[in-house]
Each structure stands twice: as structure tokens, then as C-alpha cells.
C-alpha atoms as a PDB file:
ATOM      1  CA  MET A   1      44.060 -24.756   2.732  1.00  0.00           C
ATOM      2  CA  THR A   2      40.472 -23.507   3.006  1.00  0.00           C
ATOM      3  CA  GLY A   3      38.576 -20.384   3.983  1.00  0.00           C
ATOM      4  CA  THR A   4      35.092 -18.941   4.219  1.00  0.00           C
ATOM      5  CA  VAL A   5      33.057 -16.738   1.912  1.00  0.00           C
ATOM      6  CA  THR A   6      30.173 -14.928   3.572  1.00  0.00           C
ATOM      7  CA  GLY A   7      28.065 -11.809   3.189  1.00  0.00           C
ATOM      8  CA  VAL A   8      24.700 -10.118   3.553  1.00  0.00           C
ATOM      9  CA  VAL A   9      22.052  -9.356   0.939  1.00  0.00           C
ATOM     10  CA  SER A  10      19.999  -6.229   1.648  1.00  0.00           C
ATOM     11  CA  VAL A  11      17.446  -4.017  -0.071  1.00  0.00           C
ATOM     12  CA  ASP A  12      17.558  -0.348   0.881  1.00  0.00           C
ATOM     13  CA  GLY A  13      19.380  -1.308   4.056  1.00  0.00           C
ATOM     14  CA  THR A  14      16.949  -4.062   5.087  1.00  0.00           C
ATOM     15  CA  ALA A  15      18.267  -7.626   5.267  1.00  0.00           C
ATOM     16  CA  GLN A  16      16.635 -10.024   2.817  1.00  0.00           C
ATOM     17  CA  SER A  17      15.954 -13.638   3.703  1.00  0.00           C
ATOM     18  CA  GLY A  18      15.391 -16.427   1.197  1.00  0.00           C
ATOM     19  CA  VAL A  19      17.727 -15.058  -1.480  1.00  0.00           C
ATOM     20  CA  THR A  20      19.653 -17.688  -3.463  1.00  0.00           C
ATOM     21  CA  VAL A  21      23.436 -17.206  -3.571  1.00  0.00           C
ATOM     22  CA  THR A  22      25.808 -19.348  -5.628  1.00  0.00           C
ATOM     23  CA  ILE A  23      29.579 -19.720  -5.773  1.00  0.00           C
ATOM     24  CA  SER A  24      31.402 -20.809  -8.894  1.00  0.00           C
ATOM     25  CA  SER A  25      32.848 -23.846  -7.121  1.00  0.00           C
ATOM     26  CA  GLY A  26      29.355 -25.327  -7.385  1.00  0.00           C
ATOM     27  CA  GLY A  27      27.909 -24.419  -4.005  1.00  0.00           C
ATOM     28  CA  SER A  28      24.548 -22.791  -3.314  1.00  0.00           C
ATOM     29  CA  ALA A  29      23.151 -21.149  -0.193  1.00  0.00           C
ATOM     30  CA  THR A  30      20.037 -19.267   0.905  1.00  0.00           C
ATOM     31  CA  THR A  31      20.178 -16.141   3.039  1.00  0.00           C
ATOM     32  CA  ASP A  32      18.809 -16.429   6.584  1.00  0.00           C
ATOM     33  CA  ALA A  33      16.598 -14.014   8.537  1.00  0.00           C
ATOM     34  CA  ALA A  34      19.568 -11.670   8.925  1.00  0.00           C
ATOM     35  CA  GLY A  35      20.151 -11.711   5.159  1.00  0.00           C
ATOM     36  CA  ARG A  36      23.395 -13.661   5.631  1.00  0.00           C
ATOM     37  CA  TYR A  37      24.800 -16.529   3.591  1.00  0.00           C
ATOM     38  CA  THR A  38      27.984 -18.532   4.247  1.00  0.00           C
ATOM     39  CA  PHE A  39      30.161 -20.908   2.241  1.00  0.00           C
ATOM     40  CA  SER A  40      32.536 -22.794   4.534  1.00  0.00           C
ATOM     41  CA  ASP A  41      35.629 -24.879   3.730  1.00  0.00           C
ATOM     42  CA  VAL A  42      36.189 -23.140   0.422  1.00  0.00           C
ATOM     43  CA  ALA A  43      39.489 -24.257  -1.142  1.00  0.00           C
ATOM     44  CA  ALA A  44      42.099 -21.618  -1.975  1.00  0.00           C
ATOM     45  CA  GLY A  45      41.443 -19.951  -5.304  1.00  0.00           C
ATOM     46  CA  ALA A  46      39.432 -17.306  -7.124  1.00  0.00           C
ATOM     47  CA  TYR A  47      35.651 -17.582  -7.274  1.00  0.00           C
ATOM     48  CA  THR A  48      32.580 -15.745  -8.480  1.00  0.00           C
ATOM     49  CA  VAL A  49      29.724 -15.240  -6.033  1.00  0.00           C
ATOM     50  CA  ALA A  50      26.339 -14.476  -7.599  1.00  0.00           C
ATOM     51  CA  ILE A  51      22.799 -13.798  -6.423  1.00  0.00           C
ATOM     52  CA  THR A  52      19.312 -13.885  -7.846  1.00  0.00           C
ATOM     53  CA  PRO A  53      17.993 -10.402  -6.972  1.00  0.00           C
ATOM     54  CA  PRO A  54      14.781 -10.274  -4.931  1.00  0.00           C
ATOM     55  CA  THR A  55      11.695  -9.537  -7.045  1.00  0.00           C
ATOM     56  CA  GLY A  56      11.237  -5.858  -7.781  1.00  0.00           C
ATOM     57  CA  THR A  57      14.809  -4.874  -6.936  1.00  0.00           C
ATOM     58  CA  ALA A  58      17.947  -3.836  -8.772  1.00  0.00           C
ATOM     59  CA  CYS A  59      21.530  -4.413  -7.635  1.00  0.00           C
ATOM     60  CA  PRO A  60      24.705  -2.594  -8.774  1.00  0.00           C
ATOM     61  CA  SER A  61      26.091  -6.029  -9.529  1.00  0.00           C
ATOM     62  CA  THR A  62      24.604  -9.503  -9.242  1.00  0.00           C
ATOM     63  CA  SER A  63      28.036 -11.165  -9.170  1.00  0.00           C
ATOM     64  CA  GLN A  64      31.313 -10.384  -7.438  1.00  0.00           C
ATOM     65  CA  SER A  65      34.720 -12.006  -7.101  1.00  0.00           C
ATOM     66  CA  ALA A  66      36.090 -13.663  -3.977  1.00  0.00           C
ATOM     67  CA  VAL A  67      39.660 -14.878  -3.503  1.00  0.00           C
ATOM     68  CA  ILE A  68      40.810 -17.281  -0.802  1.00  0.00           C
ATOM     69  CA  SER A  69      44.588 -16.999  -0.514  1.00  0.00           C
ATOM     70  CA  THR A  70      45.415 -17.985   3.087  1.00  0.00           C
ATOM     71  CA  ALA A  71      44.256 -20.715   5.444  1.00  0.00           C
ATOM     72  CA  GLY A  72      41.297 -19.713   7.608  1.00  0.00           C
ATOM     73  CA  GLN A  73      40.676 -16.546   5.628  1.00  0.00           C
ATOM     74  CA  THR A  74      37.158 -15.068   5.638  1.00  0.00           C
ATOM     75  CA  VAL A  75      36.146 -13.095   2.581  1.00  0.00           C
ATOM     76  CA  THR A  76      33.077 -10.886   2.838  1.00  0.00           C
ATOM     77  CA  VAL A  77      30.979 -10.286  -0.257  1.00  0.00           C
ATOM     78  CA  ASP A  78      27.879  -8.160   0.385  1.00  0.00           C
ATOM     79  CA  PHE A  79      25.127  -7.303  -2.077  1.00  0.00           C
ATOM     80  CA  ALA A  80      23.322  -3.998  -1.444  1.00  0.00           C
ATOM     81  CA  CYS A  81      20.272  -3.712  -3.673  1.00  0.00           C
ATOM     82  CA  SER A  82      17.511  -1.138  -4.035  1.00  0.00           C
ATOM     83  CA  ALA A  83      13.783  -1.390  -4.656  1.00  0.00           C
ATOM     84  CA  ILE A  84      12.705  -0.444  -8.167  1.00  0.00           C
ATOM     85  CA  MET A  85      10.444   2.570  -7.537  1.00  0.00           C
ATOM     86  CA  THR A  86       8.515   2.581 -10.807  1.00  0.00           C
ATOM     87  CA  SER A  87       5.112   1.229  -9.788  1.00  0.00           C
ATOM     88  CA  SER A  88       1.887   3.201  -9.390  1.00  0.00           C
ATOM     89  CA  VAL A  89      -1.490   2.776  -7.711  1.00  0.00           C
ATOM     90  CA  VAL A  90      -4.412   4.877  -8.966  1.00  0.00           C
ATOM     91  CA  ALA A  91      -7.741   5.228  -7.144  1.00  0.00           C
ATOM     92  CA  THR A  92     -10.618   5.981  -9.537  1.00  0.00           C
ATOM     93  CA  GLY A  93     -14.385   6.441  -9.459  1.00  0.00           C
ATOM     94  CA  LEU A  94     -14.302   8.894  -6.558  1.00  0.00           C
ATOM     95  CA  VAL A  95     -15.540  12.468  -6.145  1.00  0.00           C
ATOM     96  CA  ALA A  96     -13.525  15.596  -5.474  1.00  0.00           C
ATOM     97  CA  GLY A  97     -12.562  16.139  -1.870  1.00  0.00           C
ATOM     98  CA  VAL A  98     -12.337  12.507  -0.782  1.00  0.00           C
ATOM     99  CA  THR A  99      -9.181  11.661   1.172  1.00  0.00           C
ATOM    100  CA  VAL A 100      -7.313   8.573  -0.042  1.00  0.00           C
ATOM    101  CA  THR A 101      -4.710   6.871   2.150  1.00  0.00           C
ATOM    102  CA  LEU A 102      -2.173   4.317   0.920  1.00  0.00           C
ATOM    103  CA  SER A 103      -0.589   1.767   3.275  1.00  0.00           C
ATOM    104  CA  GLY A 104       1.415  -1.434   2.968  1.00  0.00           C
ATOM    105  CA  ALA A 105       4.652  -1.591   0.954  1.00  0.00           C
ATOM    106  CA  GLY A 106       4.518   2.220   0.849  1.00  0.00           C
ATOM    107  CA  THR A 107       2.460   5.001   2.398  1.00  0.00           C
ATOM    108  CA  GLY A 108       0.896   8.263   1.324  1.00  0.00           C
ATOM    109  CA  THR A 109      -2.194  10.469   1.410  1.00  0.00           C
ATOM    110  CA  ARG A 110      -3.915  12.250  -1.449  1.00  0.00           C
ATOM    111  CA  THR A 111      -7.037  14.381  -1.898  1.00  0.00           C
ATOM    112  CA  VAL A 112      -9.134  13.432  -4.904  1.00  0.00           C
ATOM    113  CA  ASP A 113      -9.114  16.058  -7.661  1.00  0.00           C
ATOM    114  CA  ALA A 114     -11.947  17.210  -9.913  1.00  0.00           C
ATOM    115  CA  THR A 115     -11.465  14.197 -12.201  1.00  0.00           C
ATOM    116  CA  GLY A 116     -12.296  11.779  -9.370  1.00  0.00           C
ATOM    117  CA  VAL A 117      -8.786  10.314  -9.344  1.00  0.00           C
ATOM    118  CA  ALA A 118      -5.968  10.065  -6.785  1.00  0.00           C
ATOM    119  CA  SER A 119      -2.577   8.763  -7.949  1.00  0.00           C
ATOM    120  CA  PHE A 120       0.401   7.353  -6.046  1.00  0.00           C
ATOM    121  CA  THR A 121       3.542   7.052  -8.179  1.00  0.00           C
ATOM    122  CA  GLY A 122       7.166   6.084  -7.633  1.00  0.00           C
ATOM    123  CA  LEU A 123       6.237   3.012  -5.578  1.00  0.00           C
ATOM    124  CA  ALA A 124       8.083  -0.234  -4.978  1.00  0.00           C
ATOM    125  CA  ALA A 125       6.525  -3.525  -6.024  1.00  0.00           C
ATOM    126  CA  GLY A 126       4.349  -4.995  -3.283  1.00  0.00           C
ATOM    127  CA  THR A 127       0.899  -5.184  -1.749  1.00  0.00           C
ATOM    128  CA  TYR A 128      -0.977  -2.012  -0.851  1.00  0.00           C
ATOM    129  CA  THR A 129      -4.243  -1.117   0.867  1.00  0.00           C
ATOM    130  CA  VAL A 130      -6.164   1.896  -0.441  1.00  0.00           C
ATOM    131  CA  THR A 131      -8.552   3.467   2.104  1.00  0.00           C
ATOM    132  CA  ILE A 132     -10.982   6.341   1.581  1.00  0.00           C
ATOM    133  CA  SER A 133     -12.283   8.807   4.155  1.00  0.00           C
ATOM    134  CA  ILE A 134     -13.767  12.313   4.535  1.00  0.00           C
ATOM    135  CA  VAL A 135     -16.369  11.671   1.839  1.00  0.00           C
ATOM    136  CA  PRO A 136     -18.507  14.762   1.108  1.00  0.00           C
ATOM    137  CA  ALA A 137     -21.984  14.589   2.636  1.00  0.00           C
ATOM    138  CA  THR A 138     -23.442  14.828  -0.861  1.00  0.00           C
ATOM    139  CA  HIS A 139     -22.192  11.349  -1.755  1.00  0.00           C
ATOM    140  CA  THR A 140     -21.652   7.835  -0.476  1.00  0.00           C
ATOM    141  CA  CYS A 141     -18.636   5.841  -1.680  1.00  0.00           C
ATOM    142  CA  THR A 142     -17.918   2.127  -1.412  1.00  0.00           C
ATOM    143  CA  PRO A 143     -16.034   0.071  -0.449  1.00  0.00           C
ATOM    144  CA  ALA A 144     -14.171   1.789   2.395  1.00  0.00           C
ATOM    145  CA  SER A 145     -10.885   0.121   1.417  1.00  0.00           C
ATOM    146  CA  GLN A 146      -9.360  -2.236  -1.132  1.00  0.00           C
ATOM    147  CA  SER A 147      -6.066  -4.096  -1.478  1.00  0.00           C
ATOM    148  CA  THR A 148      -3.985  -4.605  -4.605  1.00  0.00           C
ATOM    149  CA  THR A 149      -0.626  -6.128  -5.478  1.00  0.00           C
ATOM    150  CA  VAL A 150       1.540  -4.360  -8.034  1.00  0.00           C
ATOM    151  CA  ALA A 151       4.684  -5.568  -9.801  1.00  0.00           C
ATOM    152  CA  ALA A 152       7.705  -3.414 -10.597  1.00  0.00           C
ATOM    153  CA  GLY A 153       7.009  -0.911 -13.358  1.00  0.00           C
ATOM    154  CA  VAL A 154       3.274  -1.641 -13.374  1.00  0.00           C
ATOM    155  CA  THR A 155       0.308   0.677 -12.712  1.00  0.00           C
ATOM    156  CA  LYS A 156      -2.725  -0.795 -10.961  1.00  0.00           C
ATOM    157  CA  SER A 157      -6.113   0.919 -10.791  1.00  0.00           C
ATOM    158  CA  VAL A 158      -8.403   0.483  -7.803  1.00  0.00           C
ATOM    159  CA  THR A 159     -11.983   1.459  -8.605  1.00  0.00           C
ATOM    160  CA  PHE A 160     -14.491   2.784  -6.085  1.00  0.00           C
ATOM    161  CA  THR A 161     -18.160   3.548  -6.634  1.00  0.00           C
ATOM    162  CA  CYS A 162     -19.630   6.873  -5.514  1.00  0.00           C
ATOM    163  CA  THR A 163     -23.300   7.774  -5.756  1.00  0.00           C
ATOM    164  CA  ALA A 164     -25.198  10.918  -4.866  1.00  0.00           C
ATOM    165  CA  ALA A 165     -26.690  10.713  -1.409  1.00  0.00           C
ATOM    166  CA  THR A 166     -30.442  10.101  -1.325  1.00  0.00           C
ATOM    167  CA  GLY A 167     -32.374  13.369  -0.894  1.00  0.00           C
ATOM    168  CA  ALA A 168     -33.893  13.868   2.546  1.00  0.00           C
ATOM    169  CA  GLY A 169     -37.028  15.785   3.448  1.00  0.00           C
ATOM    170  CA  ILE A 170     -38.922  17.107   6.450  1.00  0.00           C
ATOM    171  CA  THR A 171     -42.725  16.992   6.524  1.00  0.00           C
ATOM    172  CA  GLY A 172     -45.306  17.787   9.146  1.00  0.00           C
ATOM    173  CA  ARG A 173     -48.681  19.292   9.930  1.00  0.00           C
ATOM    174  CA  LEU A 174     -49.466  22.671  11.403  1.00  0.00           C
ATOM    175  CA  PHE A 175     -52.573  22.579  13.549  1.00  0.00           C
ATOM    176  CA  VAL A 176     -54.272  23.973  16.643  1.00  0.00           C
ATOM    177  CA  ASP A 177     -53.813  21.374  19.366  1.00  0.00           C
ATOM    178  CA  SER A 178     -57.115  21.687  21.188  1.00  0.00           C
ATOM    179  CA  ASN A 179     -56.235  19.370  24.077  1.00  0.00           C
ATOM    180  CA  ALA A 180     -52.492  20.075  24.069  1.00  0.00           C
ATOM    181  CA  ASN A 181     -51.545  16.404  23.703  1.00  0.00           C
ATOM    182  CA  GLY A 182     -49.073  16.951  20.849  1.00  0.00           C
ATOM    183  CA  THR A 183     -50.984  14.685  18.450  1.00  0.00           C
ATOM    184  CA  PHE A 184     -53.292  15.719  15.615  1.00  0.00           C
ATOM    185  CA  GLU A 185     -56.786  14.352  16.157  1.00  0.00           C
ATOM    186  CA  SER A 186     -59.158  14.595  13.236  1.00  0.00           C
ATOM    187  CA  GLY A 187     -62.448  16.152  14.211  1.00  0.00           C
ATOM    188  CA  THR A 188     -60.985  17.763  17.321  1.00  0.00           C
ATOM    189  CA  ASP A 189     -57.961  19.690  16.133  1.00  0.00           C
ATOM    190  CA  ARG A 190     -58.041  22.298  13.386  1.00  0.00           C
ATOM    191  CA  THR A 191     -55.351  22.511  10.686  1.00  0.00           C
ATOM    192  CA  LEU A 192     -53.934  25.846   9.678  1.00  0.00           C
ATOM    193  CA  ALA A 193     -54.076  26.411   5.937  1.00  0.00           C
ATOM    194  CA  ALA A 194     -51.107  28.768   5.689  1.00  0.00           C
ATOM    195  CA  ALA A 195     -48.299  29.895   7.975  1.00  0.00           C
ATOM    196  CA  ASN A 196     -44.640  30.789   7.897  1.00  0.00           C
ATOM    197  CA  VAL A 197     -42.571  27.826   9.099  1.00  0.00           C
ATOM    198  CA  THR A 198     -38.839  28.107   9.842  1.00  0.00           C
ATOM    199  CA  ILE A 199     -36.639  25.019  10.089  1.00  0.00           C
ATOM    200  CA  GLN A 200     -33.278  25.298  11.824  1.00  0.00           C
ATOM    201  CA  LEU A 201     -30.831  22.444  11.129  1.00  0.00           C
END
């Protein structure tokens, strides 16, 4: 008399492939793309089904019981896990007013404060891309984006470099254009020593 033990491993409702599942009779299986594992032709009896939780997750229980008591019986043992939301990504080296966007294993947007820092907390383990935008005209910041991988319970800093924008200037010559050609010609045109000049930007 045999039966089947099957189930799905998920994290926050998303099926997880590649998770190792064992049964106390000595069998081992790996979840497929749908998060499902199956032990077929399991003899009647009581068993313990156990999983190795995916990295950065926690499960209410990593082992459960399964009992085959009738021929052809299918026993379902699911494992519903959750991501451990204790990681952080901190963008540093910026200037106040810069917009910082987080994408990847989690998303978010922050505006850099007066300390030049933008923090994203309560994240799951994974790989993130940190992108900056809306940089004040008074500064230039590089690079435009960076990627980082953070483990559960770990804080990773991503450092940018901001420098004051190079000062710009406007220069010119005020003169009497004798031949109206728009070009100052020494010996022909006469410069004006003093005048009120208004620049409109």
C-alpha cells in the first residue's frame, strides 16, 4: 500500500524553485518552477517532511508530518515562508535635494537630507540598483547608478561623489562698431571705457 506526498514551497505567496525537500524515509526532491515537490510510491506510515529554507527567508516550520494510511492517498504538505525584511541600503556622499531611487529586490524613492544621506530600511535580502536624479545645478554627482547585493539583516552603503559645479562666467567687449560688422577691429573700432551692461539669463 503506497501513496504520494506533495506540496508547494512559497515565499510571500511566490513559488520557489530549487528548494531541497526531504522525507524521513530517505528520499530527497527539489522544487520545480511552480515551487512543487513530489514523493511518489511512499509506503504506508508516518513521515517527517523537511525543507531547507531559501536564503533570506523564515518559515513558521521547516518540518511537518505526513501520514499515508490508505492506498493511493495523496498527502499535501505546503511550506509558506516569508522574506526576512531586516536589510538596509544607504546612499551616502550626496547633497541635499538629490532624488534617490531604489529598484531590484525592492523599490522606493527618497530625497537626500541635509546630511547627504538617503536610507532604505526594512528590505529583503537581494540585489538592488541605486539611481540618483534631480541633482541641484550647483553640483555634479557620479556615478548615476550603482548596484549592491545585501544579505538578510545586513546594511550596505553605496557611496556617490558630489562636487561643486565649476563656476561659469560671461565676458565681452563694449565698443563702437564703425563698420557694423559685429567684430571688434583694432585701429578701426573704439572701445568704451565705462557703461552699464545688463545680462538677462
